[in-house]
Protein backbone atom coordinates (compact mmCIF):
# COMPACT_ATOMS: atom_id res chain seq x y z
CA MET A 1 -16.56 -1.73 -6.31
CA ASN A 2 -17.94 -1.33 -3.03
CA LEU A 3 -16.22 -3.91 -0.01
CA ARG A 4 -19.69 -5.62 0.77
CA SER A 5 -20.23 -6.90 -3.00
CA PHE A 6 -16.38 -7.57 -3.83
CA LEU A 7 -16.37 -9.70 -0.90
CA LYS A 8 -19.80 -11.63 -2.18
CA ARG A 9 -17.65 -11.17 -5.40
CA LEU A 10 -14.77 -13.46 -4.21
CA GLU A 11 -16.42 -16.00 -2.19
CA SER A 12 -19.25 -16.82 -5.17
CA GLU A 13 -15.81 -17.26 -7.33
CA GLY A 14 -14.37 -19.71 -4.38
CA LYS A 15 -11.49 -17.25 -3.58
CA LEU A 16 -12.96 -16.16 0.07
CA THR A 17 -12.43 -18.23 2.82
CA ARG A 18 -14.73 -18.49 5.79
CA ILE A 19 -13.45 -19.56 9.49
CA SER A 20 -16.16 -20.78 11.59
CA ARG A 21 -13.87 -21.93 14.39
CA LYS A 22 -12.98 -19.28 17.10
CA VAL A 23 -9.52 -17.98 16.95
CA SER A 24 -7.89 -15.54 19.22
CA PRO A 25 -6.86 -12.03 17.96
CA GLN A 26 -3.25 -12.68 20.04
CA PHE A 27 -1.04 -14.17 17.52
CA GLU A 28 -3.68 -16.85 16.50
CA LEU A 29 -5.23 -15.10 13.71
CA GLY A 30 -2.67 -13.52 12.21
CA ASN A 31 -0.45 -17.52 11.99
CA VAL A 32 -3.80 -18.62 10.49
CA LEU A 33 -3.95 -15.62 7.88
CA ASN A 34 -0.74 -15.99 6.69
CA THR A 35 -0.39 -19.90 7.04
CA MET A 36 -3.30 -19.38 4.12
CA GLY A 37 -1.08 -17.07 1.98
CA GLU A 38 -3.13 -14.31 3.18
CA LYS A 39 -5.56 -15.32 0.50
CA PRO A 40 -8.88 -13.68 1.45
CA ALA A 41 -10.67 -15.03 4.45
CA ILE A 42 -13.25 -14.03 7.19
CA PHE A 43 -13.06 -15.08 10.27
CA GLU A 44 -16.77 -15.35 12.10
CA LYS A 45 -15.68 -16.12 15.77
CA VAL A 46 -13.16 -13.46 17.50
CA GLN A 47 -12.27 -14.31 21.02
CA GLY A 48 -13.43 -11.35 23.42
CA SER A 49 -15.44 -9.30 20.38
CA ARG A 50 -18.50 -9.70 18.74
CA PHE A 51 -17.38 -8.28 15.33
CA PRO A 52 -16.00 -10.64 12.60
CA VAL A 53 -12.79 -10.05 10.94
CA PHE A 54 -11.70 -10.41 7.39
CA GLY A 55 -8.40 -9.69 5.40
CA GLY A 56 -6.51 -10.50 1.99
CA ILE A 57 -8.25 -8.42 -0.43
CA THR A 58 -5.38 -6.53 -1.17
CA SER A 59 -2.69 -9.61 -1.04
CA SER A 60 -1.92 -10.26 -4.41
CA ARG A 61 -2.08 -7.75 -7.78
CA ASP A 62 -4.75 -9.96 -9.52
CA ILE A 63 -7.07 -9.49 -6.47
CA ILE A 64 -6.57 -5.69 -6.64
CA ALA A 65 -7.05 -5.58 -10.06
CA GLU A 66 -10.51 -7.30 -9.74
CA GLY A 67 -11.72 -4.91 -7.30
CA LEU A 68 -10.99 -2.17 -9.18
CA ASP A 69 -12.80 -3.92 -12.08
CA THR A 70 -9.49 -4.28 -14.41
CA THR A 71 -6.92 -6.59 -14.93
CA LYS A 72 -3.17 -6.36 -13.63
CA ASP A 73 -1.86 -5.52 -16.75
CA LYS A 74 -3.97 -2.66 -17.40
CA MET A 75 -3.62 -1.39 -13.77
CA LEU A 76 -0.86 0.67 -13.31
CA LEU A 77 -2.19 3.05 -16.54
CA ARG A 78 -5.69 2.74 -14.57
CA LEU A 79 -3.62 4.44 -11.32
CA VAL A 80 -1.86 6.60 -13.38
CA GLU A 81 -5.22 7.79 -14.94
CA ALA A 82 -6.94 8.52 -11.44
CA LEU A 83 -3.94 10.39 -10.06
CA ARG A 84 -3.78 12.64 -13.04
CA LYS A 85 -7.50 13.52 -13.27
CA PRO A 86 -9.31 12.61 -9.83
CA VAL A 87 -12.89 13.11 -9.46
CA PRO A 88 -14.29 15.07 -6.37
CA PRO A 89 -16.84 12.85 -4.55
CA GLU A 90 -20.39 13.47 -3.71
CA VAL A 91 -21.18 14.02 0.03
CA ALA A 92 -24.30 12.05 1.19
CA SER A 93 -26.34 13.56 4.07
CA GLU A 94 -26.52 9.64 5.45
CA GLY A 95 -24.49 6.54 5.04
CA PRO A 96 -23.87 2.63 6.15
CA CYS A 97 -20.76 3.92 8.54
CA LYS A 98 -23.06 5.99 10.46
CA GLU A 99 -25.73 3.31 11.69
CA VAL A 100 -24.40 2.74 15.40
CA VAL A 101 -22.79 6.15 16.95
CA VAL A 102 -20.81 5.09 19.99
CA LYS A 103 -19.42 8.39 22.06
CA ASP A 104 -16.95 8.12 24.57
CA PRO A 105 -15.71 4.08 23.36
CA ASP A 106 -14.29 1.93 24.66
CA LEU A 107 -12.16 0.67 21.92
CA SER A 108 -11.29 -2.93 23.48
CA MET A 109 -14.51 -4.42 22.13
CA LEU A 110 -12.54 -4.26 18.62
CA PRO A 111 -11.05 -7.22 17.92
CA LEU A 112 -7.53 -5.25 17.73
CA LEU A 113 -4.76 -7.75 16.93
CA THR A 114 -1.22 -8.24 18.42
CA HIS A 115 0.41 -10.04 15.69
CA LEU A 116 3.91 -11.32 16.68
CA PRO A 117 5.59 -11.67 19.97
CA GLY A 118 7.61 -8.60 20.92
CA ASP A 119 5.20 -6.54 19.14
CA GLY A 120 4.67 -3.07 21.48
CA GLY A 121 1.29 -4.13 22.12
CA PRO A 122 -2.05 -4.37 19.87
CA TYR A 123 -2.59 -2.44 16.95
CA ALA A 124 -5.13 -1.55 13.83
CA THR A 125 -3.08 -1.54 10.89
CA ALA A 126 -5.99 -1.74 8.03
CA THR A 127 -6.61 2.30 9.09
CA CYS A 128 -7.31 4.80 6.57
CA SER A 129 -6.41 8.15 8.32
CA ILE A 130 -8.10 11.28 6.99
CA ILE A 131 -6.97 14.82 7.89
CA LYS A 132 -7.84 18.41 6.57
CA ASP A 133 -4.55 20.56 5.97
CA PRO A 134 -5.89 24.78 6.91
CA GLU A 135 -3.67 25.08 3.29
CA THR A 136 -3.66 22.06 1.27
CA GLY A 137 -7.02 20.45 2.22
CA ARG A 138 -8.07 16.85 2.69
CA ASN A 139 -5.56 14.38 3.16
CA MET A 140 -5.98 10.17 3.50
CA ALA A 141 -3.23 7.99 4.41
CA PHE A 142 -2.00 4.62 6.34
CA HIS A 143 -1.06 5.21 9.96
CA ARG A 144 -0.69 2.27 11.88
CA LEU A 145 -2.10 2.70 15.62
CA MET A 146 -0.87 1.30 18.25
CA PHE A 147 -3.46 0.31 21.01
CA HIS A 148 -3.00 2.02 24.93
CA GLY A 149 -6.17 1.05 26.74
CA LYS A 150 -9.99 2.45 25.97
CA ASN A 151 -9.71 5.38 23.94
CA LYS A 152 -6.40 5.80 23.15
CA PHE A 153 -3.54 4.90 20.60
CA THR A 154 -0.17 6.62 19.34
CA ALA A 155 -0.07 6.87 15.58
CA ARG A 156 3.15 6.48 13.59
CA LEU A 157 3.53 9.52 11.47
CA VAL A 158 6.31 9.56 9.15
CA PRO A 159 8.28 12.97 8.91
CA GLY A 160 7.61 14.32 5.65
CA ARG A 161 4.66 12.86 5.26
CA GLN A 162 1.61 14.98 5.01
CA THR A 163 -0.08 14.42 8.26
CA ARG A 164 2.86 14.73 10.27
CA THR A 165 3.87 18.39 8.64
CA THR A 166 0.08 19.57 9.18
CA TYR A 167 0.70 18.40 12.99
CA ASP A 168 3.76 19.70 13.64
CA LYS A 169 2.76 23.18 12.27
CA LEU A 170 -0.49 23.08 14.63
CA GLN A 171 -0.27 24.46 18.30
CA GLY A 172 -3.28 22.16 19.18
CA ASP A 173 -5.10 19.01 18.72
CA LEU A 174 -5.56 17.75 15.03
CA GLU A 175 -8.57 16.23 14.20
CA MET A 176 -8.36 12.91 12.30
CA ALA A 177 -10.72 10.03 11.32
CA VAL A 178 -9.58 6.67 10.57
CA CYS A 179 -11.82 4.20 8.70
CA ILE A 180 -11.18 0.22 8.58
CA GLY A 181 -12.98 -2.03 6.87
CA ASN A 182 -12.81 -0.21 3.03
CA SER A 183 -13.29 -0.72 -0.61
CA VAL A 184 -9.99 -1.92 -3.04
CA PRO A 185 -10.48 1.80 -4.46
CA VAL A 186 -10.15 3.56 -1.22
CA MET A 187 -7.45 1.41 0.08
CA VAL A 188 -5.62 1.82 -2.71
CA ALA A 189 -6.23 5.69 -2.77
CA ALA A 190 -4.54 5.90 0.74
CA SER A 191 -1.90 4.23 -0.18
CA LEU A 192 -0.85 6.44 -3.16
CA GLY A 193 0.73 9.59 -1.50
CA PRO A 194 0.27 12.33 -4.33
CA PRO A 195 1.77 15.84 -3.95
CA PRO A 196 -0.13 18.30 -1.22
CA GLY A 197 -3.44 19.60 -2.18
CA VAL A 198 -4.59 16.37 -4.40
CA ASP A 199 -7.31 14.80 -2.66
CA GLU A 200 -7.10 11.01 -2.09
CA LEU A 201 -10.96 10.52 -1.80
CA ALA A 202 -10.90 11.99 -5.26
CA ILE A 203 -8.59 9.98 -6.63
CA ALA A 204 -10.61 6.88 -4.85
CA ASN A 205 -13.90 8.47 -6.58
CA ALA A 206 -11.97 8.19 -9.79
CA LEU A 207 -11.33 4.44 -9.52
CA ASP A 208 -14.97 4.02 -8.29
CA GLU A 209 -17.79 5.78 -7.40
CA THR A 210 -17.05 6.65 -3.09
CA LYS A 211 -19.69 8.44 -1.43
CA LEU A 212 -18.64 10.54 1.71
CA VAL A 213 -20.76 11.46 4.68
CA LYS A 214 -19.65 14.32 7.51
CA CYS A 215 -18.50 12.56 10.43
CA VAL A 216 -20.72 13.20 13.43
CA THR A 217 -18.07 14.87 16.10
CA LYS A 218 -15.42 15.60 13.16
CA ASP A 219 -15.40 18.73 10.62
CA LEU A 220 -14.27 15.40 8.02
CA GLU A 221 -15.65 13.61 5.70
CA VAL A 222 -15.36 9.98 5.24
CA PRO A 223 -16.15 7.03 2.98
CA ALA A 224 -20.12 6.41 3.44
CA GLU A 225 -19.58 2.73 3.29
CA SER A 226 -16.70 2.53 5.74
CA GLU A 227 -17.36 -0.65 8.63
CA PHE A 228 -15.78 1.25 11.17
CA VAL A 229 -15.05 5.40 11.96
CA LEU A 230 -12.71 6.14 14.88
CA GLU A 231 -13.26 10.25 15.33
CA GLY A 232 -10.75 11.23 17.27
CA ARG A 233 -7.75 13.98 17.54
CA LEU A 234 -4.18 14.03 17.54
CA THR A 235 -2.88 15.70 20.49
CA LYS A 236 0.24 17.03 21.74
CA ASP A 237 1.57 13.85 23.97
CA VAL A 238 3.48 11.40 23.17
CA ASP A 239 3.90 7.83 24.38
CA LYS A 240 5.45 4.67 23.36
CA GLU A 241 4.92 3.34 19.76
CA GLY A 242 6.44 0.10 19.02
CA PRO A 243 8.44 -2.19 18.48
CA PHE A 244 6.45 -3.03 15.23
CA VAL A 245 7.39 -5.23 12.23
CA ASP A 246 7.52 -3.21 9.05
CA LEU A 247 8.40 -3.80 5.19
CA THR A 248 11.19 -5.52 5.11
CA GLU A 249 10.43 -8.37 8.06
CA MET A 250 12.22 -6.66 10.63
CA ARG A 251 11.33 -5.09 13.65
CA ASP A 252 10.75 -1.26 13.55
CA PHE A 253 12.30 0.05 16.99
CA GLU A 254 10.60 2.12 20.08
CA ARG A 255 9.38 5.72 19.33
CA LYS A 256 7.63 8.70 21.21
CA GLU A 257 4.84 9.32 18.92
CA PRO A 258 1.47 11.35 19.13
CA VAL A 259 -1.58 10.43 21.52
CA PHE A 260 -4.71 9.74 18.96
CA VAL A 261 -7.49 10.35 21.35
CA VAL A 262 -10.99 8.94 19.88
CA ASP A 263 -13.89 10.98 21.10
CA CYS A 264 -16.87 9.19 19.58
CA LEU A 265 -16.70 5.63 17.02
CA THR A 266 -19.39 4.95 14.57
CA HIS A 267 -20.13 1.89 12.60
CA ARG A 268 -22.23 -0.18 10.66
CA LYS A 269 -24.96 -2.49 12.29
CA ASP A 270 -23.20 -5.68 11.43
CA ALA A 271 -20.22 -4.36 11.22
CA MET A 272 -16.69 -5.97 10.23
CA TYR A 273 -13.38 -5.47 11.59
CA GLN A 274 -10.33 -5.57 8.50
CA CYS A 275 -6.98 -6.57 9.46
CA LEU A 276 -3.56 -6.72 7.41
CA LEU A 277 -0.47 -8.29 8.40
CA PRO A 278 2.85 -6.32 9.04
CA GLY A 279 5.47 -7.44 6.74
CA ARG A 280 3.42 -9.57 4.59
CA LEU A 281 1.58 -9.52 1.16
CA GLU A 282 -0.91 -6.95 1.57
CA HIS A 283 1.51 -4.63 3.64
CA LYS A 284 4.15 -4.54 0.81
CA ILE A 285 1.85 -4.50 -2.10
CA LEU A 286 0.14 -1.48 -0.21
CA MET A 287 3.75 -0.01 0.18
CA GLY A 288 5.11 -0.65 -3.14
CA MET A 289 2.81 -0.50 -5.84
CA PRO A 290 1.78 3.54 -5.05
CA LYS A 291 5.04 3.88 -6.59
CA GLU A 292 4.68 2.67 -9.87
CA PRO A 293 2.89 5.34 -11.09
CA THR A 294 5.07 8.27 -10.09
CA ILE A 295 8.07 6.06 -11.78
CA TYR A 296 6.30 5.82 -14.76
CA ASP A 297 5.44 9.17 -14.89
CA GLU A 298 9.16 10.55 -14.77
CA VAL A 299 10.38 7.34 -16.99
CA SER A 300 7.59 8.75 -19.77
CA LYS A 301 9.12 12.06 -19.60
CA VAL A 302 12.49 10.90 -20.89
CA CYS A 303 11.65 7.76 -22.81
CA LYS A 304 8.54 5.65 -23.51
CA CYS A 305 7.72 3.84 -20.70
CA LYS A 306 5.83 0.56 -20.70
CA ASN A 307 5.43 -1.07 -17.30
CA VAL A 308 7.05 -0.58 -13.88
CA LEU A 309 7.00 -3.30 -10.77
CA ILE A 310 8.31 -2.56 -7.39
CA THR A 311 9.12 -6.32 -6.04
CA ILE A 312 8.08 -8.14 -2.87
CA GLY A 313 11.81 -9.19 -2.77
CA GLY A 314 13.24 -5.82 -2.58
CA GLY A 315 10.68 -5.43 0.87
CA SER A 316 8.36 -3.79 -1.78
CA TRP A 317 10.12 -0.53 -1.46
CA LEU A 318 14.05 -0.91 -2.19
CA HIS A 319 13.92 -2.83 -5.99
CA GLY A 320 12.08 -1.48 -9.00
CA ILE A 321 11.74 -2.69 -12.66
CA VAL A 322 11.30 -0.49 -15.55
CA GLN A 323 10.13 -2.10 -18.78
CA ILE A 324 10.44 0.64 -21.71
CA GLU A 325 10.86 0.27 -25.74
CA LYS A 326 13.78 1.72 -26.54
CA GLU A 327 13.82 4.06 -29.06
CA LYS A 328 17.54 5.73 -28.62
CA PRO A 329 20.95 4.68 -27.21
CA GLU A 330 20.78 6.56 -24.10
CA ASP A 331 16.94 5.66 -22.96
CA GLY A 332 18.20 2.97 -20.68
CA LYS A 333 20.40 5.05 -18.89
CA ASN A 334 18.16 7.78 -18.45
CA ALA A 335 15.43 5.68 -17.24
CA ILE A 336 17.39 4.76 -14.87
CA GLU A 337 18.00 8.18 -13.55
CA ALA A 338 14.23 9.15 -14.09
CA ALA A 339 13.51 6.05 -12.26
CA PHE A 340 15.20 7.00 -8.85
CA ARG A 341 13.38 10.96 -9.24
CA GLY A 342 9.85 8.90 -9.29
CA HIS A 343 10.52 6.81 -5.65
CA LYS A 344 13.29 8.57 -4.12
CA SER A 345 14.01 5.79 -1.58
CA MET A 346 14.45 2.81 -4.04
CA LYS A 347 17.98 1.42 -3.57
CA HIS A 348 18.04 -0.65 -6.83
CA VAL A 349 16.51 -0.36 -10.21
CA VAL A 350 16.40 -3.10 -13.64
CA ILE A 351 15.83 -1.61 -16.78
CA ILE A 352 14.41 -4.07 -19.19
CA ASP A 353 13.23 -4.60 -22.96
CA ASP A 354 9.09 -4.69 -23.83
CA ASP A 355 9.87 -8.15 -24.54
CA VAL A 356 10.72 -9.33 -21.46
CA ASP A 357 7.95 -10.45 -18.82
CA ILE A 358 8.60 -7.81 -16.05
CA TYR A 359 6.42 -10.10 -13.71
CA ASP A 360 9.03 -13.25 -14.38
CA MET A 361 11.72 -13.04 -12.23
CA ASN A 362 13.45 -15.51 -13.88
CA ALA A 363 12.90 -13.48 -17.07
CA VAL A 364 14.36 -10.18 -15.29
CA GLU A 365 17.51 -12.30 -14.76
CA TRP A 366 17.91 -13.77 -18.05
CA ALA A 367 17.72 -10.20 -19.32
CA ILE A 368 20.53 -9.43 -17.10
CA ALA A 369 22.79 -12.21 -18.04
CA THR A 370 22.17 -11.72 -21.42
CA ARG A 371 22.12 -8.08 -22.40
CA PHE A 372 23.71 -6.22 -19.60
CA GLN A 373 27.99 -5.27 -19.24
CA GLY A 374 28.68 -3.95 -16.17
CA ASP A 375 31.32 -1.94 -17.30
CA LYS A 376 29.00 -0.09 -20.31
CA ARG A 377 25.62 0.17 -18.58
CA LEU A 378 26.01 0.07 -14.78
CA VAL A 379 25.07 3.09 -12.75
CA ILE A 380 26.32 3.66 -9.55
CA LYS A 381 25.41 6.87 -7.48
CA GLU A 382 27.15 6.89 -4.16
CA LYS A 383 26.00 8.77 -0.96
CA GLU A 384 22.47 9.40 -1.88
CA PRO A 385 19.75 10.05 0.49
CA GLY A 386 18.01 6.38 0.85
CA SER A 387 15.35 4.75 3.21
CA SER A 388 15.66 4.29 6.79
CA LEU A 389 13.80 0.86 5.98
CA ASP A 390 17.41 -0.60 4.47
CA PRO A 391 19.18 -1.87 7.33
CA SER A 392 22.87 -2.08 5.55
CA ALA A 393 22.00 2.40 5.02
CA ASP A 394 24.53 4.88 6.75
CA HIS A 395 21.81 5.95 9.50
CA SER A 396 24.51 8.03 11.08
CA GLY A 397 23.00 11.33 10.14
CA LYS A 398 19.75 12.49 9.72
CA LYS A 399 19.22 10.95 6.54
CA ALA A 400 20.06 7.61 5.62
CA LEU A 401 22.46 7.76 3.14
CA THR A 402 23.41 5.09 0.27
CA THR A 403 24.39 3.76 -2.61
CA LYS A 404 21.90 3.27 -5.35
CA VAL A 405 22.87 1.23 -8.41
CA GLY A 406 20.55 1.13 -11.56
CA ILE A 407 21.13 -1.97 -14.32
CA ASP A 408 20.37 -0.91 -18.23
CA ALA A 409 19.49 -4.44 -19.30
CA THR A 410 18.37 -3.66 -22.22
CA MET A 411 19.75 -4.42 -26.00
CA PRO A 412 22.14 -2.83 -27.20
CA PHE A 413 20.78 -0.25 -29.53
CA GLU A 414 22.99 -0.88 -31.91
CA ALA A 415 22.78 -4.65 -31.81
CA GLY A 416 19.75 -6.56 -34.34
CA PRO A 417 17.22 -8.21 -32.63
CA LYS A 418 17.91 -11.24 -33.84
CA GLU A 419 21.00 -11.51 -31.67
CA TYR A 420 18.84 -11.13 -28.42
CA GLU A 421 15.84 -13.30 -29.30
CA LYS A 422 14.72 -15.59 -26.88
CA ILE A 423 13.76 -18.64 -28.81
CA GLN A 424 10.38 -19.87 -27.59
CA TYR A 425 9.00 -23.54 -28.30
CA SER A 426 5.21 -23.88 -30.15
CA SER A 427 2.53 -24.65 -27.81
CA VAL A 428 0.17 -27.74 -28.84
CA ASN A 429 -3.05 -29.09 -27.56
CA LEU A 430 -2.15 -32.10 -25.60
CA ASP A 431 -5.55 -33.80 -25.59
CA GLU A 432 -4.49 -35.16 -29.20
CA TYR A 433 -1.26 -36.93 -27.63
CA LEU A 434 -3.09 -38.54 -24.37
CA ARG A 435 -6.26 -40.13 -25.56
């Protein structure tokens, strides 16, 4: 479903709020959206800019599922299928994102948000960034951009990720187009991080038709219905990036990162700017959820995997839950090892049976309490490569080291199911009793 249609649908269902009062992009807009629980909203009047701002369209799994025309319980397999079978998108001659073309733009015209006191500066965060690697082809990913004035940003490029790898091996500038204001399929695809050579825009097209258009000044293709496209270059100049609040709701430190120079801005005539609050629900879900298909694929190699969840409480990065249908005594521990292969930054994982609701943390805790014994089914892996987002890890070397823990909270294989059955009450029609 394209962005405009989705926003209309959410509004018709009473799931989108319009804010008519003028708000400041410095702290105020972010605080209002956060206070609303990041439910979908459009801020119609923003100080210092003629463009409205919207956010919250990926703030829950239910909303994302609706944007993909599916349901929460079917979403994982939908993502797995799109990853396995990408569909190359059509390149159209024209698209709404090119209705207005501004060469040598002054990007202070955009309602760039300063989210929190202590931030390095105003940031663009809902930024689907597209490059081409000379060997592996097109790549789309999220890269936060800190504004440095007129047409310059610094772009956070994480080592080991495709954009950084491509940037580092080139002698000169790397062309990059940054799309702001995108459909849910495009945003989800940009967050997935498939192996090099797999085109995220083909994944988006597999999730829902996503036509592309050529950029005006760069040899790149972008989603035709993007609200804004920043056409520019990642230069070999560096400048400060950060501080910035990251997934764990703690402040990431200041770094030196590449300067992104924007040569051309294109946008729709009635364009809407998209925001995404750092360290909050949209940020967390778009970081964590894309690791679920890769965990699913790895676990499926060793046992029957039913579902995977990267939890909000684990910063949407460090904690996972894997639901399996147990067929052999060793399935639980094999699933632990496979889950860590599927998401190498994960620190703790819990394996549960398919009779436990993976989305109910009380049910998961109940499984640990009633089906797990630490001396038999606890897996501890010391001095493993971990995540830079974990402040408790050992950061003294080039790579963070951590102790990983796996909990097999499935029923003992030799036990009868009746011994571990959770007794349920029957539901009744209360209208018959409350007349």
